[in-house]
C-alpha atoms as a PDB file:
ATOM      1  CA  MET A   1     -18.049  28.303  37.919  1.00  0.00           C
ATOM      2  CA  GLU A   2     -21.057  30.960  36.622  1.00  0.00           C
ATOM      3  CA  GLN A   3     -23.879  30.700  38.790  1.00  0.00           C
ATOM      4  CA  PHE A   4     -26.216  29.720  35.444  1.00  0.00           C
ATOM      5  CA  LEU A   5     -24.022  26.711  35.273  1.00  0.00           C
ATOM      6  CA  LYS A   6     -24.345  25.614  38.494  1.00  0.00           C
ATOM      7  CA  ASP A   7     -28.223  26.905  38.252  1.00  0.00           C
ATOM      8  CA  LEU A   8     -28.090  24.353  35.114  1.00  0.00           C
ATOM      9  CA  PHE A   9     -26.281  21.738  36.971  1.00  0.00           C
ATOM     10  CA  ALA A  10     -28.426  21.654  39.847  1.00  0.00           C
ATOM     11  CA  GLY A  11     -29.897  18.042  40.070  1.00  0.00           C
ATOM     12  CA  GLN A  12     -26.281  16.377  39.406  1.00  0.00           C
ATOM     13  CA  SER A  13     -23.592  15.622  42.197  1.00  0.00           C
ATOM     14  CA  TYR A  14     -20.566  17.088  41.057  1.00  0.00           C
ATOM     15  CA  ASN A  15     -17.082  18.867  41.979  1.00  0.00           C
ATOM     16  CA  GLU A  16     -17.535  22.193  40.591  1.00  0.00           C
ATOM     17  CA  LYS A  17     -14.013  22.727  40.422  1.00  0.00           C
ATOM     18  CA  ASN A  18     -14.136  19.896  37.286  1.00  0.00           C
ATOM     19  CA  PHE A  19     -14.688  20.661  33.983  1.00  0.00           C
ATOM     20  CA  PHE A  20     -17.862  20.804  32.819  1.00  0.00           C
ATOM     21  CA  LEU A  21     -18.730  17.982  29.579  1.00  0.00           C
ATOM     22  CA  ILE A  22     -21.319  18.533  26.552  1.00  0.00           C
ATOM     23  CA  ALA A  23     -21.832  15.431  24.728  1.00  0.00           C
ATOM     24  CA  GLY A  24     -23.904  13.375  22.645  1.00  0.00           C
ATOM     25  CA  PRO A  25     -24.838  11.866  18.936  1.00  0.00           C
ATOM     26  CA  CYS A  26     -24.267  14.775  16.274  1.00  0.00           C
ATOM     27  CA  VAL A  27     -28.007  14.243  15.477  1.00  0.00           C
ATOM     28  CA  VAL A  28     -30.909  12.786  16.629  1.00  0.00           C
ATOM     29  CA  GLU A  29     -31.258   9.234  14.565  1.00  0.00           C
ATOM     30  CA  SER A  30     -33.841   7.734  17.006  1.00  0.00           C
ATOM     31  CA  GLU A  31     -34.700   7.139  20.339  1.00  0.00           C
ATOM     32  CA  GLU A  32     -32.871   4.153  20.733  1.00  0.00           C
ATOM     33  CA  LEU A  33     -29.670   6.176  19.954  1.00  0.00           C
ATOM     34  CA  VAL A  34     -29.876   9.178  21.858  1.00  0.00           C
ATOM     35  CA  MET A  35     -31.452   7.087  24.914  1.00  0.00           C
ATOM     36  CA  GLU A  36     -28.350   4.830  25.092  1.00  0.00           C
ATOM     37  CA  VAL A  37     -25.865   7.653  24.636  1.00  0.00           C
ATOM     38  CA  ALA A  38     -27.140   9.659  27.534  1.00  0.00           C
ATOM     39  CA  GLU A  39     -27.556   7.062  29.456  1.00  0.00           C
ATOM     40  CA  LYS A  40     -23.695   5.491  29.262  1.00  0.00           C
ATOM     41  CA  VAL A  41     -22.113   9.390  29.196  1.00  0.00           C
ATOM     42  CA  SER A  42     -24.619  10.202  32.423  1.00  0.00           C
ATOM     43  CA  GLY A  43     -23.290   7.268  34.192  1.00  0.00           C
ATOM     44  CA  ILE A  44     -19.683   7.680  33.689  1.00  0.00           C
ATOM     45  CA  CYS A  45     -20.052  11.941  34.701  1.00  0.00           C
ATOM     46  CA  LYS A  46     -21.712  10.758  37.638  1.00  0.00           C
ATOM     47  CA  ASN A  47     -19.332   8.519  38.584  1.00  0.00           C
ATOM     48  CA  LEU A  48     -16.284  10.996  37.629  1.00  0.00           C
ATOM     49  CA  GLY A  49     -17.858  14.166  39.082  1.00  0.00           C
ATOM     50  CA  ILE A  50     -18.514  15.923  35.923  1.00  0.00           C
ATOM     51  CA  PRO A  51     -21.299  18.151  35.139  1.00  0.00           C
ATOM     52  CA  TYR A  52     -23.222  17.161  32.501  1.00  0.00           C
ATOM     53  CA  ILE A  53     -25.021  18.432  29.486  1.00  0.00           C
ATOM     54  CA  PHE A  54     -26.636  16.247  26.669  1.00  0.00           C
ATOM     55  CA  LYS A  55     -26.463  17.129  23.395  1.00  0.00           C
ATOM     56  CA  ALA A  56     -28.031  16.507  19.979  1.00  0.00           C
ATOM     57  CA  SER A  57     -29.230  18.443  16.940  1.00  0.00           C
ATOM     58  CA  TYR A  58     -32.605  18.434  16.299  1.00  0.00           C
ATOM     59  CA  ARG A  59     -31.751  19.410  12.851  1.00  0.00           C
ATOM     60  CA  LYS A  60     -28.924  19.411  10.456  1.00  0.00           C
ATOM     61  CA  ALA A  61     -28.981  22.291   8.426  1.00  0.00           C
ATOM     62  CA  ASN A  62     -25.223  22.390   7.351  1.00  0.00           C
ATOM     63  CA  ARG A  63     -24.460  19.625   5.093  1.00  0.00           C
ATOM     64  CA  THR A  64     -22.002  19.029   2.011  1.00  0.00           C
ATOM     65  CA  SER A  65     -24.814  17.157  -0.129  1.00  0.00           C
ATOM     66  CA  ALA A  66     -28.268  18.132  -0.524  1.00  0.00           C
ATOM     67  CA  SER A  67     -28.468  14.026  -0.246  1.00  0.00           C
ATOM     68  CA  SER A  68     -27.268  13.893   3.513  1.00  0.00           C
ATOM     69  CA  PHE A  69     -29.596  13.179   6.865  1.00  0.00           C
ATOM     70  CA  THR A  70     -30.864  16.176   8.211  1.00  0.00           C
ATOM     71  CA  GLY A  71     -32.942  14.674  11.264  1.00  0.00           C
ATOM     72  CA  ILE A  72     -36.351  13.016  12.013  1.00  0.00           C
ATOM     73  CA  GLY A  73     -38.605  16.016  11.724  1.00  0.00           C
ATOM     74  CA  ASP A  74     -37.854  19.096  14.156  1.00  0.00           C
ATOM     75  CA  ASP A  75     -40.842  18.449  16.734  1.00  0.00           C
ATOM     76  CA  ASN A  76     -40.288  15.001  16.833  1.00  0.00           C
ATOM     77  CA  ALA A  77     -36.180  15.512  17.588  1.00  0.00           C
ATOM     78  CA  MET A  78     -36.698  18.127  19.870  1.00  0.00           C
ATOM     79  CA  ALA A  79     -39.305  16.281  22.274  1.00  0.00           C
ATOM     80  CA  LEU A  80     -36.717  13.444  22.441  1.00  0.00           C
ATOM     81  CA  VAL A  81     -33.965  15.422  23.415  1.00  0.00           C
ATOM     82  CA  LYS A  82     -36.228  16.843  25.971  1.00  0.00           C
ATOM     83  CA  ARG A  83     -37.512  13.179  27.318  1.00  0.00           C
ATOM     84  CA  THR A  84     -33.973  11.995  26.911  1.00  0.00           C
ATOM     85  CA  GLY A  85     -33.002  15.063  29.401  1.00  0.00           C
ATOM     86  CA  GLN A  86     -35.483  14.450  31.971  1.00  0.00           C
ATOM     87  CA  LYS A  87     -35.227  10.835  31.981  1.00  0.00           C
ATOM     88  CA  PHE A  88     -31.648  10.617  33.375  1.00  0.00           C
ATOM     89  CA  GLY A  89     -31.689  14.864  35.040  1.00  0.00           C
ATOM     90  CA  LEU A  90     -29.475  16.330  32.745  1.00  0.00           C
ATOM     91  CA  PRO A  91     -29.386  20.056  30.962  1.00  0.00           C
ATOM     92  CA  THR A  92     -29.928  19.660  26.996  1.00  0.00           C
ATOM     93  CA  THR A  93     -28.636  21.436  24.350  1.00  0.00           C
ATOM     94  CA  SER A  94     -28.998  21.710  20.458  1.00  0.00           C
ATOM     95  CA  ASP A  95     -28.291  24.287  17.428  1.00  0.00           C
ATOM     96  CA  ILE A  96     -30.798  26.792  15.912  1.00  0.00           C
ATOM     97  CA  HIS A  97     -29.983  28.147  12.731  1.00  0.00           C
ATOM     98  CA  ALA A  98     -32.942  30.833  12.246  1.00  0.00           C
ATOM     99  CA  HIS A  99     -34.217  33.485  14.292  1.00  0.00           C
ATOM    100  CA  ASP A 100     -37.891  32.157  14.452  1.00  0.00           C
ATOM    101  CA  GLU A 101     -36.474  28.561  15.480  1.00  0.00           C
ATOM    102  CA  ALA A 102     -35.402  30.215  18.801  1.00  0.00           C
ATOM    103  CA  ALA A 103     -38.683  30.537  20.834  1.00  0.00           C
ATOM    104  CA  SER A 104     -39.959  27.190  19.492  1.00  0.00           C
ATOM    105  CA  ALA A 105     -36.596  25.380  20.555  1.00  0.00           C
ATOM    106  CA  ALA A 106     -36.355  27.010  24.258  1.00  0.00           C
ATOM    107  CA  ALA A 107     -39.683  25.418  24.891  1.00  0.00           C
ATOM    108  CA  TYR A 108     -37.509  22.092  24.628  1.00  0.00           C
ATOM    109  CA  ILE A 109     -34.019  22.911  25.267  1.00  0.00           C
ATOM    110  CA  ASP A 110     -31.843  24.347  28.154  1.00  0.00           C
ATOM    111  CA  ILE A 111     -28.935  25.823  26.029  1.00  0.00           C
ATOM    112  CA  LEU A 112     -29.385  27.359  22.504  1.00  0.00           C
ATOM    113  CA  GLN A 113     -26.062  26.972  20.186  1.00  0.00           C
ATOM    114  CA  ILE A 114     -25.329  28.872  17.605  1.00  0.00           C
ATOM    115  CA  PRO A 115     -23.643  27.530  14.912  1.00  0.00           C
ATOM    116  CA  ALA A 116     -20.210  28.937  14.407  1.00  0.00           C
ATOM    117  CA  PHE A 117     -21.051  29.328  10.587  1.00  0.00           C
ATOM    118  CA  LEU A 118     -24.072  31.813  11.460  1.00  0.00           C
ATOM    119  CA  CYS A 119     -22.016  33.616  14.883  1.00  0.00           C
ATOM    120  CA  ARG A 120     -22.772  36.760  13.031  1.00  0.00           C
ATOM    121  CA  GLN A 121     -26.085  36.543  12.524  1.00  0.00           C
ATOM    122  CA  THR A 122     -27.709  39.807  14.435  1.00  0.00           C
ATOM    123  CA  ASP A 123     -31.227  38.571  14.490  1.00  0.00           C
ATOM    124  CA  LEU A 124     -30.578  34.699  15.733  1.00  0.00           C
ATOM    125  CA  LEU A 125     -28.262  36.088  18.506  1.00  0.00           C
ATOM    126  CA  LEU A 126     -31.058  38.685  19.598  1.00  0.00           C
ATOM    127  CA  ALA A 127     -33.622  36.157  19.480  1.00  0.00           C
ATOM    128  CA  ALA A 128     -31.790  33.466  21.438  1.00  0.00           C
ATOM    129  CA  ALA A 129     -30.889  36.136  23.900  1.00  0.00           C
ATOM    130  CA  GLU A 130     -34.320  36.589  24.633  1.00  0.00           C
ATOM    131  CA  THR A 131     -35.471  33.503  25.088  1.00  0.00           C
ATOM    132  CA  GLY A 132     -33.648  33.678  28.350  1.00  0.00           C
ATOM    133  CA  LYS A 133     -32.132  30.395  27.898  1.00  0.00           C
ATOM    134  CA  VAL A 134     -28.161  29.640  27.921  1.00  0.00           C
ATOM    135  CA  VAL A 135     -26.585  30.979  24.490  1.00  0.00           C
ATOM    136  CA  ASN A 136     -23.623  29.035  23.433  1.00  0.00           C
ATOM    137  CA  VAL A 137     -21.904  30.566  20.533  1.00  0.00           C
ATOM    138  CA  LYS A 138     -19.561  28.682  18.580  1.00  0.00           C
ATOM    139  CA  LYS A 139     -16.411  31.008  17.100  1.00  0.00           C
ATOM    140  CA  GLY A 140     -16.750  31.153  13.589  1.00  0.00           C
ATOM    141  CA  GLN A 141     -14.055  29.424  11.722  1.00  0.00           C
ATOM    142  CA  PHE A 142     -12.992  32.499  10.337  1.00  0.00           C
ATOM    143  CA  LEU A 143     -12.612  34.879  13.360  1.00  0.00           C
ATOM    144  CA  SER A 144     -10.384  35.165  15.934  1.00  0.00           C
ATOM    145  CA  GLY A 145     -11.130  35.437  19.787  1.00  0.00           C
ATOM    146  CA  PRO A 146     -10.890  38.778  20.445  1.00  0.00           C
ATOM    147  CA  ALA A 147     -13.336  39.581  17.310  1.00  0.00           C
ATOM    148  CA  MET A 148     -16.510  37.286  19.551  1.00  0.00           C
ATOM    149  CA  LYS A 149     -16.783  39.855  22.027  1.00  0.00           C
ATOM    150  CA  PHE A 150     -18.848  41.202  19.462  1.00  0.00           C
ATOM    151  CA  ALA A 151     -21.403  38.469  19.901  1.00  0.00           C
ATOM    152  CA  VAL A 152     -21.077  38.792  23.366  1.00  0.00           C
ATOM    153  CA  GLU A 153     -22.267  42.200  23.320  1.00  0.00           C
ATOM    154  CA  LYS A 154     -25.753  41.864  20.979  1.00  0.00           C
ATOM    155  CA  ILE A 155     -26.471  39.127  23.547  1.00  0.00           C
ATOM    156  CA  ARG A 156     -25.543  40.888  26.810  1.00  0.00           C
ATOM    157  CA  LYS A 157     -27.426  43.869  25.284  1.00  0.00           C
ATOM    158  CA  ALA A 158     -30.504  41.612  24.896  1.00  0.00           C
ATOM    159  CA  GLY A 159     -30.794  41.454  28.504  1.00  0.00           C
ATOM    160  CA  ASN A 160     -29.448  37.872  28.608  1.00  0.00           C
ATOM    161  CA  ASN A 161     -25.718  37.507  30.784  1.00  0.00           C
ATOM    162  CA  LYS A 162     -25.933  33.240  30.259  1.00  0.00           C
ATOM    163  CA  ILE A 163     -23.492  32.878  27.459  1.00  0.00           C
ATOM    164  CA  LEU A 164     -20.740  30.462  26.767  1.00  0.00           C
ATOM    165  CA  LEU A 165     -18.297  30.297  23.933  1.00  0.00           C
ATOM    166  CA  THR A 166     -16.605  27.510  21.836  1.00  0.00           C
ATOM    167  CA  GLU A 167     -13.660  27.326  19.862  1.00  0.00           C
ATOM    168  CA  ARG A 168     -13.812  24.699  17.301  1.00  0.00           C
ATOM    169  CA  GLY A 169     -10.602  25.513  15.069  1.00  0.00           C
ATOM    170  CA  THR A 170     -10.396  27.985  12.007  1.00  0.00           C
ATOM    171  CA  THR A 171     -10.222  27.456   8.440  1.00  0.00           C
ATOM    172  CA  PHE A 172      -6.554  25.946   7.362  1.00  0.00           C
ATOM    173  CA  GLY A 173      -6.237  26.165   3.821  1.00  0.00           C
ATOM    174  CA  TYR A 174      -9.476  24.812   1.946  1.00  0.00           C
ATOM    175  CA  GLN A 175     -10.142  20.953   3.932  1.00  0.00           C
ATOM    176  CA  ASP A 176      -8.664  21.197   7.195  1.00  0.00           C
ATOM    177  CA  LEU A 177      -8.769  23.453  10.446  1.00  0.00           C
ATOM    178  CA  VAL A 178      -5.969  24.442  13.213  1.00  0.00           C
ATOM    179  CA  VAL A 179      -6.415  25.070  17.119  1.00  0.00           C
ATOM    180  CA  ASP A 180      -4.977  28.278  18.248  1.00  0.00           C
ATOM    181  CA  TYR A 181      -5.500  27.874  21.753  1.00  0.00           C
ATOM    182  CA  ARG A 182      -4.648  31.820  22.117  1.00  0.00           C
ATOM    183  CA  ASN A 183      -8.439  31.862  21.312  1.00  0.00           C
ATOM    184  CA  ILE A 184      -9.680  30.388  24.911  1.00  0.00           C
ATOM    185  CA  PRO A 185      -8.094  32.963  26.990  1.00  0.00           C
ATOM    186  CA  TRP A 186      -8.799  35.710  24.649  1.00  0.00           C
ATOM    187  CA  MET A 187     -12.216  34.235  24.379  1.00  0.00           C
ATOM    188  CA  GLN A 188     -12.233  34.266  28.634  1.00  0.00           C
ATOM    189  CA  ALA A 189     -11.469  37.655  28.507  1.00  0.00           C
ATOM    190  CA  HIS A 190     -14.818  38.566  27.456  1.00  0.00           C
ATOM    191  CA  GLY A 191     -16.114  37.524  31.102  1.00  0.00           C
ATOM    192  CA  VAL A 192     -16.994  33.964  29.515  1.00  0.00           C
ATOM    193  CA  PRO A 193     -16.688  30.532  30.121  1.00  0.00           C
ATOM    194  CA  VAL A 194     -15.041  29.124  26.996  1.00  0.00           C
ATOM    195  CA  VAL A 195     -15.705  25.359  25.924  1.00  0.00           C
ATOM    196  CA  MET A 196     -13.424  23.176  23.235  1.00  0.00           C
ATOM    197  CA  ASP A 197     -15.238  21.242  20.846  1.00  0.00           C
ATOM    198  CA  CYS A 198     -12.462  18.629  20.389  1.00  0.00           C
ATOM    199  CA  THR A 199     -14.820  17.161  17.533  1.00  0.00           C
ATOM    200  CA  HIS A 200     -15.599  19.586  14.869  1.00  0.00           C
ATOM    201  CA  SER A 201     -12.210  20.920  15.312  1.00  0.00           C
ATOM    202  CA  LEU A 202     -11.018  17.620  13.492  1.00  0.00           C
ATOM    203  CA  GLN A 203     -12.796  17.963  10.950  1.00  0.00           C
ATOM    204  CA  GLN A 204     -11.515  18.377   7.159  1.00  0.00           C
ATOM    205  CA  PRO A 205     -14.304  20.297   5.220  1.00  0.00           C
ATOM    206  CA  ASN A 206     -15.039  20.765   1.859  1.00  0.00           C
ATOM    207  CA  GLN A 207     -14.148  16.740   0.493  1.00  0.00           C
ATOM    208  CA  THR A 208     -15.135  16.635  -3.543  1.00  0.00           C
ATOM    209  CA  SER A 209     -17.172  13.152  -2.258  1.00  0.00           C
ATOM    210  CA  GLY A 210     -19.642  15.565  -0.328  1.00  0.00           C
ATOM    211  CA  VAL A 211     -18.897  13.961   2.669  1.00  0.00           C
ATOM    212  CA  THR A 212     -17.131  15.936   5.477  1.00  0.00           C
ATOM    213  CA  GLY A 213     -13.853  13.774   6.320  1.00  0.00           C
ATOM    214  CA  GLY A 214     -12.128  14.361  10.278  1.00  0.00           C
ATOM    215  CA  ASN A 215      -9.298  12.831  12.320  1.00  0.00           C
ATOM    216  CA  PRO A 216     -11.011  11.431  15.399  1.00  0.00           C
ATOM    217  CA  GLN A 217      -7.456   9.801  16.612  1.00  0.00           C
ATOM    218  CA  LEU A 218      -6.400  13.341  17.585  1.00  0.00           C
ATOM    219  CA  ILE A 219      -9.538  14.266  19.897  1.00  0.00           C
ATOM    220  CA  GLY A 220      -7.762  13.408  23.013  1.00  0.00           C
ATOM    221  CA  THR A 221      -4.651  15.429  21.833  1.00  0.00           C
ATOM    222  CA  ILE A 222      -7.025  18.478  21.684  1.00  0.00           C
ATOM    223  CA  ALA A 223      -9.070  18.030  25.062  1.00  0.00           C
ATOM    224  CA  LYS A 224      -5.548  17.582  26.666  1.00  0.00           C
ATOM    225  CA  ALA A 225      -4.480  20.769  25.147  1.00  0.00           C
ATOM    226  CA  ALA A 226      -7.604  22.829  25.994  1.00  0.00           C
ATOM    227  CA  ILE A 227      -8.053  21.611  29.762  1.00  0.00           C
ATOM    228  CA  ALA A 228      -4.196  22.288  29.998  1.00  0.00           C
ATOM    229  CA  ALA A 229      -5.279  26.084  28.713  1.00  0.00           C
ATOM    230  CA  GLY A 230      -7.552  26.325  31.305  1.00  0.00           C
ATOM    231  CA  ALA A 231     -11.065  25.236  28.954  1.00  0.00           C
ATOM    232  CA  GLU A 232     -14.035  25.507  31.573  1.00  0.00           C
ATOM    233  CA  GLY A 233     -16.016  22.959  29.569  1.00  0.00           C
ATOM    234  CA  LEU A 234     -15.634  20.363  26.561  1.00  0.00           C
ATOM    235  CA  PHE A 235     -17.739  19.429  23.579  1.00  0.00           C
ATOM    236  CA  ILE A 236     -17.282  15.984  22.299  1.00  0.00           C
ATOM    237  CA  GLU A 237     -19.975  14.060  19.830  1.00  0.00           C
ATOM    238  CA  THR A 238     -19.902  10.639  20.402  1.00  0.00           C
ATOM    239  CA  HIS A 239     -21.477   7.484  19.336  1.00  0.00           C
ATOM    240  CA  PRO A 240     -21.642   3.652  19.718  1.00  0.00           C
ATOM    241  CA  ASP A 241     -20.788   3.108  15.981  1.00  0.00           C
ATOM    242  CA  PRO A 242     -19.277   6.421  14.410  1.00  0.00           C
ATOM    243  CA  ALA A 243     -19.088   4.491  10.938  1.00  0.00           C
ATOM    244  CA  SER A 244     -22.743   3.703  10.778  1.00  0.00           C
ATOM    245  CA  ALA A 245     -23.744   7.968  12.201  1.00  0.00           C
ATOM    246  CA  LYS A 246     -25.924   9.605  10.207  1.00  0.00           C
ATOM    247  CA  SER A 247     -23.456  13.110  10.069  1.00  0.00           C
ATOM    248  CA  ASP A 248     -20.342  13.748  11.525  1.00  0.00           C
ATOM    249  CA  GLY A 249     -19.224  10.396  11.771  1.00  0.00           C
ATOM    250  CA  ALA A 250     -15.895  11.210  10.697  1.00  0.00           C
ATOM    251  CA  ASN A 251     -14.919  13.079  13.712  1.00  0.00           C
ATOM    252  CA  MET A 252     -16.763  11.700  16.311  1.00  0.00           C
ATOM    253  CA  LEU A 253     -15.124   9.634  19.314  1.00  0.00           C
ATOM    254  CA  GLN A 254     -16.413   5.847  19.709  1.00  0.00           C
ATOM    255  CA  LEU A 255     -18.635   5.817  22.858  1.00  0.00           C
ATOM    256  CA  ASP A 256     -16.465   3.105  24.806  1.00  0.00           C
ATOM    257  CA  LEU A 257     -13.328   5.601  24.605  1.00  0.00           C
ATOM    258  CA  LEU A 258     -14.813   7.945  26.537  1.00  0.00           C
ATOM    259  CA  GLU A 259     -14.707   7.402  29.685  1.00  0.00           C
ATOM    260  CA  PRO A 260     -10.631   6.691  29.926  1.00  0.00           C
ATOM    261  CA  LEU A 261      -9.988   9.634  28.264  1.00  0.00           C
ATOM    262  CA  LEU A 262     -12.205  11.700  30.763  1.00  0.00           C
ATOM    263  CA  LYS A 263      -9.949   9.784  33.615  1.00  0.00           C
ATOM    264  CA  GLN A 264      -6.932  11.409  32.070  1.00  0.00           C
ATOM    265  CA  LEU A 265      -8.224  14.653  31.658  1.00  0.00           C
ATOM    266  CA  LEU A 266      -9.309  14.639  35.186  1.00  0.00           C
ATOM    267  CA  LYS A 267      -5.748  13.991  36.089  1.00  0.00           C
ATOM    268  CA  ILE A 268      -4.388  17.289  34.036  1.00  0.00           C
ATOM    269  CA  LYS A 269      -7.459  19.447  35.599  1.00  0.00           C
ATOM    270  CA  ALA A 270      -6.195  18.415  38.839  1.00  0.00           C
ATOM    271  CA  VAL A 271      -2.570  19.565  38.032  1.00  0.00           C
ATOM    272  CA  VAL A 272      -3.680  22.701  36.209  1.00  0.00           C
END
């Protein structure tokens, strides 16, 4: 495991040969939600020896409809993410959307996530890199794994080698995504750990209803194949009641299904 990841997980007891997990609700909806999810997932991961990063977006800037929920306010949400991480001894992550958000978010969050649609935004990548935080760049739905070398180069040239790349599917037609697992080794060839986003890769975007659809019944399939292909980490958005979630409910994993899935994945990891 990369040294920067070992440093992130220094407060956790885990088997470093395991994959690591980035998980949480899509967006900060309330204090009760983030605390419930973090407590449940951190307990599961501690028991299974899986390094865990808590994830919740402090704001959802990319929504289909102008009427969609975007957040409870940046400062309140970022403070909640930080407090959650401190309470359960977890590193935290959230996405940023513009270069002027990087420094403010870095005061609260351990890993700055670059959304897939913004992975080519040079000023955003440089601003994230210059904070000195870990930068997780999601591969654009319109890019190949080899093309992500340019995002990696931008961050490294800014003096930051703490980089993750995340595969999250490739646009297929107007309203679907497919996962090309060749992208895992292709992106690992850039010398960085690779994460598989098991939930966003199952989105069905651009629905005429204004709400993104999804295929959450295939989350396990995506995750199992990613571990078999050698991904170092998994990204799984989870919620106690996805049907009532204020963002991405159509492709989140129901919280009580996470533990049995992780147990299956550990068996695959042991074989790999």
